[in-house]
N, C-alpha and C. Protein backbone atom coordinates (compact mmCIF):
# COMPACT_ATOMS: atom_id res chain seq x y z
N MET A 1 0.85 -1.17 -0.02
CA MET A 1 0.00 0.00 0.00
C MET A 1 0.88 1.26 0.00
N LYS A 2 0.51 2.21 -0.81
CA LYS A 2 1.19 3.48 -0.89
C LYS A 2 0.20 4.55 -0.52
N GLN A 3 0.71 5.64 0.00
CA GLN A 3 -0.18 6.84 0.25
C GLN A 3 0.65 8.09 0.25
N PHE A 4 -0.08 9.18 -0.08
CA PHE A 4 0.56 10.51 -0.05
C PHE A 4 -0.54 11.55 0.16
N ASP A 5 -0.13 12.67 0.74
CA ASP A 5 -1.01 13.80 0.95
C ASP A 5 -0.82 14.82 -0.15
N PHE A 6 -1.94 15.48 -0.49
CA PHE A 6 -1.89 16.55 -1.47
C PHE A 6 -2.78 17.68 -1.04
N GLU A 7 -2.26 18.88 -1.13
CA GLU A 7 -3.03 20.09 -0.83
C GLU A 7 -3.70 20.56 -2.16
N VAL A 8 -5.02 20.58 -2.18
CA VAL A 8 -5.73 20.98 -3.40
C VAL A 8 -5.39 22.42 -3.75
N GLN A 9 -4.95 22.67 -4.95
CA GLN A 9 -4.59 24.01 -5.41
C GLN A 9 -5.65 24.64 -6.32
N SER A 10 -6.47 23.86 -6.95
CA SER A 10 -7.45 24.38 -7.87
C SER A 10 -8.41 25.32 -7.13
N PRO A 11 -8.67 26.49 -7.71
CA PRO A 11 -9.61 27.44 -7.07
C PRO A 11 -11.00 26.89 -6.87
N VAL A 12 -11.37 25.91 -7.70
CA VAL A 12 -12.73 25.33 -7.53
C VAL A 12 -12.67 24.02 -6.70
N GLY A 13 -11.48 23.65 -6.23
CA GLY A 13 -11.35 22.41 -5.49
C GLY A 13 -11.51 21.22 -6.38
N ILE A 14 -11.85 20.06 -5.79
CA ILE A 14 -12.07 18.88 -6.58
C ILE A 14 -13.59 18.94 -6.93
N HIS A 15 -13.90 19.71 -7.92
CA HIS A 15 -15.25 19.94 -8.40
C HIS A 15 -15.41 19.15 -9.73
N ALA A 16 -16.45 19.39 -10.46
CA ALA A 16 -16.83 18.60 -11.62
C ALA A 16 -15.65 18.31 -12.61
N ARG A 17 -15.05 19.37 -13.16
CA ARG A 17 -14.03 19.14 -14.18
C ARG A 17 -12.80 18.47 -13.60
N PRO A 18 -12.23 18.93 -12.52
CA PRO A 18 -11.06 18.21 -11.92
C PRO A 18 -11.43 16.80 -11.52
N ALA A 19 -12.61 16.55 -11.03
CA ALA A 19 -13.06 15.23 -10.63
C ALA A 19 -13.13 14.28 -11.81
N VAL A 20 -13.64 14.78 -12.94
CA VAL A 20 -13.72 13.94 -14.14
C VAL A 20 -12.32 13.53 -14.55
N LEU A 21 -11.40 14.49 -14.56
CA LEU A 21 -10.02 14.18 -14.97
C LEU A 21 -9.36 13.18 -14.05
N LEU A 22 -9.63 13.30 -12.73
CA LEU A 22 -9.08 12.37 -11.75
C LEU A 22 -9.65 10.96 -11.93
N VAL A 23 -10.95 10.89 -12.12
CA VAL A 23 -11.59 9.60 -12.35
C VAL A 23 -11.02 8.92 -13.56
N GLU A 24 -10.86 9.64 -14.62
CA GLU A 24 -10.31 9.09 -15.90
C GLU A 24 -8.88 8.55 -15.63
N LYS A 25 -8.09 9.33 -14.94
CA LYS A 25 -6.71 8.93 -14.65
C LYS A 25 -6.69 7.68 -13.73
N ALA A 26 -7.49 7.74 -12.66
CA ALA A 26 -7.53 6.61 -11.65
C ALA A 26 -7.94 5.33 -12.34
N ARG A 27 -8.85 5.39 -13.28
CA ARG A 27 -9.35 4.19 -13.91
C ARG A 27 -8.30 3.50 -14.83
N THR A 28 -7.15 4.19 -15.06
CA THR A 28 -6.13 3.55 -15.87
C THR A 28 -5.27 2.61 -15.07
N TYR A 29 -5.48 2.54 -13.77
CA TYR A 29 -4.72 1.65 -12.88
C TYR A 29 -5.57 0.49 -12.36
N GLN A 30 -4.88 -0.62 -12.12
CA GLN A 30 -5.57 -1.79 -11.54
C GLN A 30 -5.77 -1.59 -10.04
N SER A 31 -4.95 -0.83 -9.42
CA SER A 31 -4.98 -0.66 -7.95
C SER A 31 -6.28 0.04 -7.50
N LYS A 32 -6.68 -0.24 -6.30
CA LYS A 32 -7.80 0.46 -5.66
C LYS A 32 -7.18 1.82 -5.21
N ILE A 33 -7.92 2.93 -5.53
CA ILE A 33 -7.44 4.26 -5.19
C ILE A 33 -8.52 4.93 -4.42
N THR A 34 -8.20 5.34 -3.18
CA THR A 34 -9.15 5.99 -2.29
C THR A 34 -8.60 7.32 -1.94
N LEU A 35 -9.53 8.28 -1.85
CA LEU A 35 -9.12 9.63 -1.34
C LEU A 35 -9.78 9.81 0.03
N GLU A 36 -9.05 10.39 0.94
CA GLU A 36 -9.52 10.62 2.28
C GLU A 36 -9.38 12.04 2.68
N LYS A 37 -10.44 12.64 3.23
CA LYS A 37 -10.37 13.99 3.77
C LYS A 37 -11.06 13.89 5.14
N GLY A 38 -10.22 14.11 6.17
CA GLY A 38 -10.78 13.92 7.53
C GLY A 38 -11.25 12.51 7.71
N SER A 39 -12.50 12.33 8.10
CA SER A 39 -13.05 10.99 8.31
C SER A 39 -13.80 10.50 7.06
N GLN A 40 -13.84 11.26 6.03
CA GLN A 40 -14.54 10.88 4.78
C GLN A 40 -13.62 10.16 3.84
N ARG A 41 -14.15 9.19 3.14
CA ARG A 41 -13.38 8.43 2.12
C ARG A 41 -14.17 8.43 0.81
N ALA A 42 -13.48 8.44 -0.29
CA ALA A 42 -14.08 8.39 -1.59
C ALA A 42 -13.31 7.48 -2.55
N ASN A 43 -14.02 6.76 -3.40
CA ASN A 43 -13.41 5.96 -4.45
C ASN A 43 -13.00 6.87 -5.58
N ALA A 44 -11.70 6.93 -5.90
CA ALA A 44 -11.19 7.85 -6.91
C ALA A 44 -11.64 7.46 -8.33
N LYS A 45 -12.26 6.29 -8.45
CA LYS A 45 -12.71 5.87 -9.76
C LYS A 45 -14.21 6.11 -9.93
N ASN A 46 -14.78 6.81 -8.99
CA ASN A 46 -16.24 7.07 -9.01
C ASN A 46 -16.49 8.62 -8.83
N MET A 47 -17.04 9.22 -9.84
CA MET A 47 -17.29 10.64 -9.86
C MET A 47 -18.13 11.11 -8.67
N ILE A 48 -19.28 10.49 -8.46
CA ILE A 48 -20.14 10.91 -7.39
C ILE A 48 -19.46 10.78 -6.02
N SER A 49 -18.75 9.68 -5.86
CA SER A 49 -18.02 9.45 -4.61
C SER A 49 -17.02 10.58 -4.36
N LEU A 50 -16.27 10.96 -5.42
CA LEU A 50 -15.31 12.09 -5.28
C LEU A 50 -15.98 13.39 -4.90
N LEU A 51 -17.07 13.68 -5.54
CA LEU A 51 -17.76 14.94 -5.25
C LEU A 51 -18.30 15.03 -3.84
N THR A 52 -18.60 13.91 -3.23
CA THR A 52 -19.10 13.95 -1.85
C THR A 52 -18.07 14.38 -0.84
N LEU A 53 -16.78 14.32 -1.23
CA LEU A 53 -15.71 14.78 -0.32
C LEU A 53 -15.76 16.30 -0.13
N ARG A 54 -16.25 16.98 -1.15
CA ARG A 54 -16.28 18.44 -1.10
C ARG A 54 -14.92 19.07 -0.70
N ALA A 55 -13.91 18.59 -1.44
CA ALA A 55 -12.56 19.07 -1.16
C ALA A 55 -12.35 20.43 -1.81
N HIS A 56 -12.10 21.43 -1.02
CA HIS A 56 -11.92 22.80 -1.48
C HIS A 56 -10.44 23.16 -1.59
N GLN A 57 -10.16 24.26 -2.23
CA GLN A 57 -8.83 24.79 -2.36
C GLN A 57 -8.15 24.90 -0.99
N HIS A 58 -6.92 24.49 -0.89
CA HIS A 58 -6.07 24.48 0.30
C HIS A 58 -6.38 23.42 1.31
N GLU A 59 -7.34 22.55 1.02
CA GLU A 59 -7.58 21.44 1.92
C GLU A 59 -6.70 20.25 1.49
N VAL A 60 -6.33 19.46 2.47
CA VAL A 60 -5.43 18.34 2.21
C VAL A 60 -6.26 17.06 2.09
N VAL A 61 -5.94 16.32 1.00
CA VAL A 61 -6.56 15.01 0.82
C VAL A 61 -5.45 13.99 0.79
N THR A 62 -5.75 12.81 1.26
CA THR A 62 -4.79 11.72 1.27
C THR A 62 -5.20 10.70 0.23
N PHE A 63 -4.25 10.35 -0.61
CA PHE A 63 -4.43 9.31 -1.61
C PHE A 63 -3.94 7.98 -1.01
N ILE A 64 -4.79 6.97 -1.03
CA ILE A 64 -4.39 5.64 -0.55
C ILE A 64 -4.50 4.71 -1.75
N ILE A 65 -3.37 4.07 -2.11
CA ILE A 65 -3.32 3.26 -3.33
C ILE A 65 -2.90 1.85 -2.94
N ASP A 66 -3.68 0.86 -3.33
CA ASP A 66 -3.38 -0.46 -2.94
C ASP A 66 -3.66 -1.41 -4.15
N GLY A 67 -2.58 -2.10 -4.59
CA GLY A 67 -2.77 -3.03 -5.68
C GLY A 67 -1.48 -3.30 -6.45
N ALA A 68 -1.64 -4.02 -7.54
CA ALA A 68 -0.51 -4.48 -8.33
C ALA A 68 0.38 -3.39 -8.89
N ASP A 69 -0.22 -2.25 -9.29
CA ASP A 69 0.54 -1.20 -9.89
C ASP A 69 0.57 0.06 -9.01
N GLU A 70 0.59 -0.14 -7.70
CA GLU A 70 0.50 0.96 -6.77
C GLU A 70 1.69 1.92 -6.84
N LYS A 71 2.87 1.42 -7.07
CA LYS A 71 4.03 2.32 -7.15
C LYS A 71 3.93 3.22 -8.36
N LYS A 72 3.62 2.67 -9.52
CA LYS A 72 3.46 3.47 -10.71
C LYS A 72 2.28 4.47 -10.53
N ALA A 73 1.21 4.02 -9.97
CA ALA A 73 0.03 4.86 -9.72
C ALA A 73 0.39 6.02 -8.81
N GLU A 74 1.16 5.72 -7.78
CA GLU A 74 1.54 6.80 -6.83
C GLU A 74 2.38 7.86 -7.52
N GLU A 75 3.39 7.45 -8.28
CA GLU A 75 4.28 8.40 -8.95
C GLU A 75 3.50 9.23 -9.95
N GLU A 76 2.65 8.61 -10.79
CA GLU A 76 1.93 9.30 -11.80
C GLU A 76 0.82 10.20 -11.24
N LEU A 77 0.17 9.73 -10.22
CA LEU A 77 -0.87 10.57 -9.61
C LEU A 77 -0.31 11.80 -8.91
N LYS A 78 0.84 11.69 -8.31
CA LYS A 78 1.45 12.85 -7.72
C LYS A 78 1.70 13.93 -8.78
N GLU A 79 2.20 13.53 -9.91
CA GLU A 79 2.47 14.44 -11.03
C GLU A 79 1.13 15.00 -11.54
N PHE A 80 0.16 14.14 -11.71
CA PHE A 80 -1.18 14.50 -12.22
C PHE A 80 -1.78 15.61 -11.27
N CYS A 81 -1.70 15.41 -9.99
CA CYS A 81 -2.29 16.37 -9.05
C CYS A 81 -1.66 17.71 -9.16
N ILE A 82 -0.37 17.79 -9.29
CA ILE A 82 0.32 19.09 -9.42
C ILE A 82 -0.24 19.92 -10.55
N HIS A 83 -0.60 19.27 -11.67
CA HIS A 83 -1.03 19.97 -12.83
C HIS A 83 -2.55 20.11 -12.95
N ASN A 84 -3.32 19.32 -12.19
CA ASN A 84 -4.76 19.29 -12.39
C ASN A 84 -5.63 19.59 -11.16
N LEU A 85 -5.06 19.42 -9.97
CA LEU A 85 -5.88 19.62 -8.75
C LEU A 85 -5.27 20.78 -7.95
């Protein structure tokens, strides 16, 4: 299992457009990818689940990645977040 924290930089937070991009990216991996904010958890491969987090700009979310390609997913998602979230 891999995990990392990310501070949301997008002025709209993880809202519709950034969430769609994240879901598309997350679905390219075999690993289970979960986002956590406080006590809330969301499946990164499910748009509705992501939107329920209501992650706003400057809030920290934790990515939890578990599966066969977790190392690759961690590295690529970190880069993805910098440019899209």
